[in-house]
Amino acid sequence: MLTNIGLSLIVLAWIFQLFVSLKKKQKLSLGFVIVYSIGVLFLVIDGFGQTLNTVTIINLLSLLASLAVLGVVIKK
């Protein structure tokens, strides 16, 4: 249960960062976002392999949010 809460907070943080990045010229380390996204991708793959459905879905949402921020950072 704590894992789900923690991962949900991470997803919310990335969504918040996405909206901040869209509205303002906010500097965010491109390297951080890339490494973070790769790390979460490994968590998603591992979650599917172990059939951890809830954790995997939350990790997938986190990955999508971080990739959206990555797209905004690259575009600016």
Protein backbone atom coordinates (compact mmCIF):
# COMPACT_ATOMS: atom_id res chain seq x y z
CA MET A 1 0.00 0.00 0.00
CA LEU A 2 2.80 2.45 0.81
CA THR A 3 4.35 1.70 -2.58
CA ASN A 4 1.11 2.72 -4.29
CA ILE A 5 0.94 5.95 -2.28
CA GLY A 6 4.58 6.78 -2.98
CA LEU A 7 4.30 6.08 -6.68
CA SER A 8 1.08 8.09 -6.88
CA LEU A 9 2.88 11.07 -5.33
CA ILE A 10 5.66 10.73 -7.92
CA VAL A 11 3.08 10.72 -10.72
CA LEU A 12 1.41 13.83 -9.29
CA ALA A 13 4.79 15.55 -9.00
CA TRP A 14 5.57 14.85 -12.66
CA ILE A 15 2.16 16.09 -13.77
CA PHE A 16 2.72 19.27 -11.74
CA GLN A 17 6.19 19.66 -13.32
CA LEU A 18 4.65 19.22 -16.76
CA PHE A 19 2.18 22.06 -16.20
CA VAL A 20 4.91 24.30 -14.75
CA SER A 21 7.15 23.53 -17.73
CA LEU A 22 4.37 24.34 -20.18
CA LYS A 23 3.59 27.72 -18.54
CA LYS A 24 7.04 29.00 -17.60
CA LYS A 25 10.57 28.74 -18.82
CA GLN A 26 11.54 26.25 -16.18
CA LYS A 27 14.97 24.67 -16.34
CA LEU A 28 15.03 20.96 -15.74
CA SER A 29 18.04 18.72 -16.24
CA LEU A 30 17.60 16.80 -19.47
CA GLY A 31 19.94 14.09 -18.20
CA PHE A 32 17.88 13.63 -15.03
CA VAL A 33 14.66 13.17 -16.96
CA ILE A 34 16.27 10.68 -19.37
CA VAL A 35 17.86 8.59 -16.61
CA TYR A 36 14.67 8.72 -14.53
CA SER A 37 12.59 7.60 -17.50
CA ILE A 38 14.92 4.69 -18.24
CA GLY A 39 14.81 3.64 -14.58
CA VAL A 40 11.02 3.71 -14.50
CA LEU A 41 10.93 1.76 -17.77
CA PHE A 42 12.86 -1.02 -16.03
CA LEU A 43 10.35 -0.91 -13.15
CA VAL A 44 7.47 -1.22 -15.63
CA ILE A 45 9.09 -4.19 -17.39
CA ASP A 46 9.81 -5.86 -14.05
CA GLY A 47 6.27 -5.22 -12.83
CA PHE A 48 4.76 -6.83 -15.91
CA GLY A 49 7.08 -9.81 -15.45
CA GLN A 50 5.93 -10.28 -11.86
CA THR A 51 2.27 -9.44 -12.57
CA LEU A 52 2.25 -6.53 -10.12
CA ASN A 53 -0.63 -4.86 -11.90
CA THR A 54 -1.32 -1.85 -9.68
CA VAL A 55 2.33 -0.95 -9.18
CA THR A 56 3.04 -1.46 -12.89
CA ILE A 57 0.18 0.79 -13.96
CA ILE A 58 1.27 3.55 -11.58
CA ASN A 59 4.87 3.21 -12.81
CA LEU A 60 3.61 3.37 -16.39
CA LEU A 61 1.73 6.60 -15.60
CA SER A 62 4.90 8.00 -14.05
CA LEU A 63 6.88 7.04 -17.14
CA LEU A 64 4.34 8.71 -19.44
CA ALA A 65 4.35 11.88 -17.33
CA SER A 66 8.15 12.05 -17.29
CA LEU A 67 8.29 11.49 -21.05
CA ALA A 68 5.79 14.32 -21.53
CA VAL A 69 8.04 16.61 -19.46
CA LEU A 70 11.02 15.40 -21.49
CA GLY A 71 9.19 16.37 -24.67
CA VAL A 72 8.48 19.85 -23.32
CA VAL A 73 12.10 20.30 -22.18
CA ILE A 74 13.48 19.22 -25.56
CA LYS A 75 10.97 21.39 -27.45
CA LYS A 76 11.95 24.55 -25.52
